[in-house]
Amino acid sequence: MAAKVMAVLDLAAALPGLRVRIFSGLEAGVLTRLLLEPETPVGTELG
């Protein structure tokens, strides 16, 4: 997991304005909710 976070941080540094969200997939519907309402306070946003 740490390697994935580091890769995302590198990508965010290379692409200004990129927003990345890390969240659990255990709760049904979270991805759909985030896609429809990106400002939903779920998970950790990097970038």
Protein backbone atom coordinates (compact mmCIF):
# COMPACT_ATOMS: atom_id res chain seq x y z
CA MET A 1 0.00 0.00 0.00
CA ALA A 2 2.80 2.42 0.82
CA ALA A 3 4.28 1.94 -2.66
CA LYS A 4 0.90 2.74 -4.23
CA VAL A 5 0.59 5.93 -2.20
CA MET A 6 4.11 7.00 -3.18
CA ALA A 7 3.29 6.34 -6.85
CA VAL A 8 0.14 8.45 -6.56
CA LEU A 9 2.06 11.28 -4.89
CA ASP A 10 4.62 11.20 -7.72
CA LEU A 11 1.82 11.28 -10.28
CA ALA A 12 0.07 14.16 -8.51
CA ALA A 13 3.35 16.11 -8.49
CA ALA A 14 3.76 15.53 -12.23
CA LEU A 15 0.16 16.46 -13.09
CA PRO A 16 -0.89 19.69 -11.36
CA GLY A 17 -4.57 19.73 -10.51
CA LEU A 18 -4.85 15.94 -10.32
CA ARG A 19 -7.00 14.82 -7.40
CA VAL A 20 -6.72 11.26 -6.10
CA ARG A 21 -8.94 9.71 -3.45
CA ILE A 22 -8.04 6.62 -1.43
CA PHE A 23 -11.01 4.90 0.16
CA SER A 24 -12.25 1.50 1.22
CA GLY A 25 -14.19 -0.59 -1.26
CA LEU A 26 -15.89 -2.54 1.52
CA GLU A 27 -18.91 -0.23 1.69
CA ALA A 28 -21.26 -0.72 -1.26
CA GLY A 29 -21.98 2.35 -3.36
CA VAL A 30 -19.03 4.51 -2.28
CA LEU A 31 -17.44 4.68 -5.74
CA THR A 32 -20.75 5.62 -7.36
CA ARG A 33 -21.38 8.28 -4.71
CA LEU A 34 -17.90 9.77 -5.20
CA LEU A 35 -18.28 9.82 -8.98
CA LEU A 36 -21.65 11.56 -8.74
CA GLU A 37 -20.69 13.85 -5.84
CA PRO A 38 -16.88 14.34 -5.84
CA GLU A 39 -16.98 16.58 -2.76
CA THR A 40 -18.38 13.76 -0.58
CA PRO A 41 -16.10 13.56 2.50
CA VAL A 42 -14.99 9.93 2.12
CA GLY A 43 -11.47 8.57 2.35
CA THR A 44 -8.25 10.55 1.97
CA GLU A 45 -7.66 12.97 -0.89
CA LEU A 46 -4.14 13.40 -2.24
CA GLY A 47 -2.94 15.98 -4.69
